[in-house]
Amino acid sequence: MSRIFALVSCVSEKRAAPSPARYLYTSDWFVKAARYASQITDEWYILSAKYGLVHPDQVLEPYNATLKTMGKSARQAWAERIFASLKPRLSPGDTVIFLAGQAYREFLLAQVARLGCKVEIPMEGLRIGEQMQWLNQHLKGG
């Protein structure tokens, strides 16, 4: 039976103390994207610039890292690490929904698709305000 996964990118706004990943990131965008992911998927993970593929319950230390400042080879290496963690969880026919910007998905999309998974990027091309509007419209229960 196919399953649905979501990958949510990390954000710069974080709590000051170690926290489960789902609570470490505090921006309104992340809170809503994480809530949406939990509502529509069988499993969801966070794409952390520092820690890689992170389960929402994994406790993380606060950090200051972003893919946006990394060079291409560093982003490729990061994506290889993510894919190595993700691959054992996926099966052909699964759907992987990216709630993440271009830098976080650029080297992952083709690899996930080659496994026979369907890839969705529901907010592709939307600016941050439009993404917030999209999330508000798609969240269940207000």
Protein backbone atom coordinates (compact mmCIF):
# COMPACT_ATOMS: atom_id res chain seq x y z
CA MET A 1 0.00 0.00 0.00
CA SER A 2 1.41 3.37 -0.96
CA ARG A 3 2.00 6.00 1.68
CA ILE A 4 2.23 9.78 1.76
CA PHE A 5 5.30 11.56 3.14
CA ALA A 6 6.01 15.27 3.53
CA LEU A 7 9.35 17.02 3.81
CA VAL A 8 9.23 20.42 5.52
CA SER A 9 12.23 22.73 5.37
CA CYS A 10 13.75 24.16 8.51
CA VAL A 11 13.54 27.89 9.18
CA SER A 12 15.79 30.41 10.89
CA GLU A 13 13.37 31.28 13.73
CA LYS A 14 14.04 28.84 16.57
CA ARG A 15 13.60 28.43 20.30
CA ALA A 16 16.70 29.17 22.39
CA ALA A 17 16.71 25.79 24.16
CA PRO A 18 16.94 22.19 22.89
CA SER A 19 13.47 21.05 21.81
CA PRO A 20 11.73 18.35 19.79
CA ALA A 21 12.17 19.44 16.18
CA ARG A 22 8.43 20.01 15.65
CA TYR A 23 8.62 22.71 18.35
CA LEU A 24 12.16 24.02 17.77
CA TYR A 25 11.19 25.99 14.67
CA THR A 26 8.86 28.83 15.61
CA SER A 27 8.00 30.81 12.47
CA ASP A 28 4.33 31.06 11.55
CA TRP A 29 5.15 29.45 8.17
CA PHE A 30 6.83 26.44 9.77
CA VAL A 31 4.10 25.94 12.37
CA LYS A 32 1.45 25.91 9.64
CA ALA A 33 3.48 23.79 7.20
CA ALA A 34 4.18 21.24 9.94
CA ARG A 35 0.51 21.15 10.94
CA TYR A 36 -0.52 20.67 7.32
CA ALA A 37 2.06 17.90 6.87
CA SER A 38 0.81 16.09 9.98
CA GLN A 39 -2.79 16.32 8.73
CA ILE A 40 -2.26 14.90 5.23
CA THR A 41 0.57 12.37 5.55
CA ASP A 42 1.44 9.03 7.01
CA GLU A 43 4.87 10.37 7.99
CA TRP A 44 6.60 13.73 7.77
CA TYR A 45 10.13 14.87 8.34
CA ILE A 46 12.04 18.10 8.63
CA LEU A 47 14.85 18.95 6.23
CA SER A 48 17.43 20.50 8.56
CA ALA A 49 20.39 22.34 7.09
CA LYS A 50 22.52 21.13 10.01
CA TYR A 51 21.04 17.79 11.12
CA GLY A 52 19.73 16.38 7.81
CA LEU A 53 16.51 14.35 7.76
CA VAL A 54 14.90 14.86 11.15
CA HIS A 55 11.90 13.13 12.71
CA PRO A 56 9.56 15.72 14.29
CA ASP A 57 10.05 14.21 17.75
CA GLN A 58 13.86 14.21 17.60
CA VAL A 59 15.30 16.67 20.12
CA LEU A 60 17.65 19.18 18.51
CA GLU A 61 19.98 21.85 19.81
CA PRO A 62 19.29 25.29 18.35
CA TYR A 63 21.61 26.13 15.46
CA ASN A 64 22.28 28.73 12.82
CA ALA A 65 22.76 27.11 9.41
CA THR A 66 21.00 27.43 6.08
CA LEU A 67 21.40 25.88 2.66
CA LYS A 68 21.06 29.34 1.14
CA THR A 69 24.65 30.20 2.11
CA MET A 70 26.15 26.83 1.11
CA GLY A 71 27.90 26.29 -2.19
CA LYS A 72 26.59 23.85 -4.77
CA SER A 73 28.87 20.95 -3.75
CA ALA A 74 27.89 21.35 -0.07
CA ARG A 75 24.18 21.34 -1.03
CA GLN A 76 24.71 18.23 -3.16
CA ALA A 77 26.48 16.47 -0.27
CA TRP A 78 23.67 17.50 2.08
CA ALA A 79 21.06 16.11 -0.37
CA GLU A 80 22.98 12.82 -0.64
CA ARG A 81 22.88 12.53 3.16
CA ILE A 82 19.13 13.28 3.19
CA PHE A 83 18.45 10.77 0.42
CA ALA A 84 20.46 8.04 2.16
CA SER A 85 18.25 8.51 5.24
CA LEU A 86 15.03 8.79 3.24
CA LYS A 87 15.50 5.96 0.75
CA PRO A 88 14.90 3.03 3.18
CA ARG A 89 11.57 4.60 4.21
CA LEU A 90 10.21 4.94 0.66
CA SER A 91 8.64 2.43 -1.72
CA PRO A 92 7.60 2.75 -5.37
CA GLY A 93 4.15 4.34 -5.53
CA ASP A 94 4.62 6.46 -2.40
CA THR A 95 3.97 10.19 -2.65
CA VAL A 96 6.52 12.68 -1.35
CA ILE A 97 5.25 16.23 -0.82
CA PHE A 98 7.90 18.92 -0.61
CA LEU A 99 7.01 21.88 1.61
CA ALA A 100 10.42 23.36 1.01
CA GLY A 101 12.13 25.92 -1.16
CA GLN A 102 14.25 25.25 -4.21
CA ALA A 103 17.55 25.01 -2.30
CA TYR A 104 16.13 22.23 -0.12
CA ARG A 105 14.69 20.15 -2.94
CA GLU A 106 16.94 20.81 -5.96
CA PHE A 107 19.10 17.69 -5.58
CA LEU A 108 16.42 15.48 -4.01
CA LEU A 109 13.54 15.59 -6.50
CA ALA A 110 15.08 13.45 -9.23
CA GLN A 111 16.42 10.88 -6.77
CA VAL A 112 13.02 10.45 -5.12
CA ALA A 113 11.30 10.22 -8.51
CA ARG A 114 13.79 7.55 -9.67
CA LEU A 115 12.60 5.35 -6.78
CA GLY A 116 9.17 5.33 -8.42
CA CYS A 117 7.67 7.82 -6.01
CA LYS A 118 5.26 10.57 -7.00
CA VAL A 119 6.65 14.01 -6.17
CA GLU A 120 4.42 16.99 -5.36
CA ILE A 121 5.42 20.61 -4.72
CA PRO A 122 2.07 22.24 -3.91
CA MET A 123 3.44 25.71 -3.19
CA GLU A 124 6.01 25.84 -6.00
CA GLY A 125 6.44 29.35 -7.36
CA LEU A 126 4.48 31.02 -4.55
CA ARG A 127 6.00 33.90 -2.59
CA ILE A 128 5.97 33.62 1.21
CA GLY A 129 2.73 35.58 1.63
CA GLU A 130 1.07 33.40 -1.00
CA GLN A 131 2.38 30.29 0.75
CA MET A 132 0.84 31.46 4.02
CA GLN A 133 -2.47 32.03 2.24
CA TRP A 134 -2.24 28.57 0.63
CA LEU A 135 -1.51 26.93 3.99
CA ASN A 136 -4.39 28.79 5.68
CA GLN A 137 -6.76 27.58 2.95
CA HIS A 138 -5.61 23.95 3.18
CA LEU A 139 -5.37 23.51 6.96
CA LYS A 140 -8.15 21.51 8.57
CA GLY A 141 -9.81 22.82 11.70
CA GLY A 142 -8.82 26.48 11.36
